[in-house]
Amino acid sequence: MPNHVHVLIEVPDTESLDRVSGNLKSYGSRRLNKAFGTPVSGTWWTSGCSVCCKPTESVPSLIEYMKGQHNPLVVWLAPEFE
């Protein structure tokens, strides 16, 4: 599906997931606006966002799920997960 993003990152317990999500969306918006201009809607994002914590042992299956997406635009993995 070309209209969404999957991001899997490790975040310290002391960091707010909403803050991390907001920072990623803010950075992404600036880069997308610079590359493509501001969208007609004024934003690249929907009002909602699925942010959740997953246990460490689920990381391999999450990576496989994301790698298996149909026609991904970009897949980047840290060397230890390749």
C-alpha atoms as a PDB file:
ATOM      1  CA  MET A   1       0.000   0.000   0.000  1.00  0.00           C
ATOM      2  CA  PRO A   2       1.667   3.261  -1.101  1.00  0.00           C
ATOM      3  CA  ASN A   3       0.027   5.536   1.438  1.00  0.00           C
ATOM      4  CA  HIS A   4       1.585   4.575   4.742  1.00  0.00           C
ATOM      5  CA  VAL A   5       4.869   4.126   6.565  1.00  0.00           C
ATOM      6  CA  HIS A   6       6.201   1.434   8.884  1.00  0.00           C
ATOM      7  CA  VAL A   7       8.981   2.446  11.270  1.00  0.00           C
ATOM      8  CA  LEU A   8      10.508   0.179  13.882  1.00  0.00           C
ATOM      9  CA  ILE A   9      12.860   1.907  16.298  1.00  0.00           C
ATOM     10  CA  GLU A  10      14.175   1.342  19.783  1.00  0.00           C
ATOM     11  CA  VAL A  11      13.198   4.110  22.188  1.00  0.00           C
ATOM     12  CA  PRO A  12      14.428   4.534  25.775  1.00  0.00           C
ATOM     13  CA  ASP A  13      11.773   3.899  28.421  1.00  0.00           C
ATOM     14  CA  THR A  14      12.100   7.529  29.478  1.00  0.00           C
ATOM     15  CA  GLU A  15      10.999   8.859  26.058  1.00  0.00           C
ATOM     16  CA  SER A  16       7.363   9.543  25.155  1.00  0.00           C
ATOM     17  CA  LEU A  17       6.174   7.553  22.125  1.00  0.00           C
ATOM     18  CA  ASP A  18       3.919  10.446  21.130  1.00  0.00           C
ATOM     19  CA  ARG A  19       6.902  12.808  21.199  1.00  0.00           C
ATOM     20  CA  VAL A  20       9.019  10.438  19.089  1.00  0.00           C
ATOM     21  CA  SER A  21       6.169  10.008  16.601  1.00  0.00           C
ATOM     22  CA  GLY A  22       5.644  13.779  16.446  1.00  0.00           C
ATOM     23  CA  ASN A  23       9.352  14.382  15.839  1.00  0.00           C
ATOM     24  CA  LEU A  24       9.450  11.786  13.036  1.00  0.00           C
ATOM     25  CA  LYS A  25       6.360  13.279  11.399  1.00  0.00           C
ATOM     26  CA  SER A  26       7.734  16.812  11.749  1.00  0.00           C
ATOM     27  CA  TYR A  27      11.068  15.862  10.181  1.00  0.00           C
ATOM     28  CA  GLY A  28       9.303  13.897   7.443  1.00  0.00           C
ATOM     29  CA  SER A  29       6.992  16.818   6.660  1.00  0.00           C
ATOM     30  CA  ARG A  30       9.882  19.254   6.300  1.00  0.00           C
ATOM     31  CA  ARG A  31      11.741  16.892   3.940  1.00  0.00           C
ATOM     32  CA  LEU A  32       8.629  16.049   1.899  1.00  0.00           C
ATOM     33  CA  ASN A  33       7.613  19.718   1.629  1.00  0.00           C
ATOM     34  CA  LYS A  34      11.103  20.606   0.436  1.00  0.00           C
ATOM     35  CA  ALA A  35      11.144  17.814  -2.146  1.00  0.00           C
ATOM     36  CA  PHE A  36       7.536  17.953  -3.377  1.00  0.00           C
ATOM     37  CA  GLY A  37       5.898  21.096  -2.000  1.00  0.00           C
ATOM     38  CA  THR A  38       3.133  21.258   0.558  1.00  0.00           C
ATOM     39  CA  PRO A  39       0.201  18.978  -0.299  1.00  0.00           C
ATOM     40  CA  VAL A  40      -3.182  20.505  -1.086  1.00  0.00           C
ATOM     41  CA  SER A  41      -4.527  19.215   2.235  1.00  0.00           C
ATOM     42  CA  GLY A  42      -1.758  21.108   4.048  1.00  0.00           C
ATOM     43  CA  THR A  43      -0.379  17.953   5.654  1.00  0.00           C
ATOM     44  CA  TRP A  44       1.215  14.653   4.698  1.00  0.00           C
ATOM     45  CA  TRP A  45      -0.316  12.841   7.657  1.00  0.00           C
ATOM     46  CA  THR A  46      -3.724  11.673   8.755  1.00  0.00           C
ATOM     47  CA  SER A  47      -5.023  12.697  12.145  1.00  0.00           C
ATOM     48  CA  GLY A  48      -4.319   9.287  13.614  1.00  0.00           C
ATOM     49  CA  CYS A  49      -1.179   7.281  13.992  1.00  0.00           C
ATOM     50  CA  SER A  50      -0.657   3.795  15.336  1.00  0.00           C
ATOM     51  CA  VAL A  51       2.137   3.939  17.895  1.00  0.00           C
ATOM     52  CA  CYS A  52       2.754   0.956  20.115  1.00  0.00           C
ATOM     53  CA  CYS A  53       5.362  -0.836  22.158  1.00  0.00           C
ATOM     54  CA  LYS A  54       6.349  -4.334  21.162  1.00  0.00           C
ATOM     55  CA  PRO A  55       8.415  -6.786  23.177  1.00  0.00           C
ATOM     56  CA  THR A  56      12.006  -7.319  22.050  1.00  0.00           C
ATOM     57  CA  GLU A  57      11.330 -10.938  21.136  1.00  0.00           C
ATOM     58  CA  SER A  58       8.803  -9.842  18.488  1.00  0.00           C
ATOM     59  CA  VAL A  59      11.371  -7.741  16.570  1.00  0.00           C
ATOM     60  CA  PRO A  60      12.372 -10.492  14.076  1.00  0.00           C
ATOM     61  CA  SER A  61       8.755 -11.148  13.068  1.00  0.00           C
ATOM     62  CA  LEU A  62       8.054  -7.400  12.786  1.00  0.00           C
ATOM     63  CA  ILE A  63      11.069  -6.979  10.513  1.00  0.00           C
ATOM     64  CA  GLU A  64       9.912  -9.863   8.319  1.00  0.00           C
ATOM     65  CA  TYR A  65       6.434  -8.341   8.123  1.00  0.00           C
ATOM     66  CA  MET A  66       7.816  -4.982   7.015  1.00  0.00           C
ATOM     67  CA  LYS A  67      10.235  -6.552   4.528  1.00  0.00           C
ATOM     68  CA  GLY A  68       7.319  -8.511   3.042  1.00  0.00           C
ATOM     69  CA  GLN A  69       5.257  -5.450   2.136  1.00  0.00           C
ATOM     70  CA  HIS A  70       4.263  -5.287  -1.531  1.00  0.00           C
ATOM     71  CA  ASN A  71       6.504  -2.938  -3.564  1.00  0.00           C
ATOM     72  CA  PRO A  72       8.164  -1.059  -0.693  1.00  0.00           C
ATOM     73  CA  LEU A  73       9.689   2.268  -1.643  1.00  0.00           C
ATOM     74  CA  VAL A  74      12.540   1.968   0.852  1.00  0.00           C
ATOM     75  CA  VAL A  75      13.706  -0.775   3.183  1.00  0.00           C
ATOM     76  CA  TRP A  76      16.646   0.052   5.442  1.00  0.00           C
ATOM     77  CA  LEU A  77      17.926  -2.275   8.122  1.00  0.00           C
ATOM     78  CA  ALA A  78      20.793  -1.819  10.537  1.00  0.00           C
ATOM     79  CA  PRO A  79      23.516  -4.349   9.613  1.00  0.00           C
ATOM     80  CA  GLU A  80      22.749  -6.513  12.640  1.00  0.00           C
ATOM     81  CA  PHE A  81      19.214  -7.117  11.295  1.00  0.00           C
ATOM     82  CA  GLU A  82      20.007  -7.864   7.661  1.00  0.00           C
END
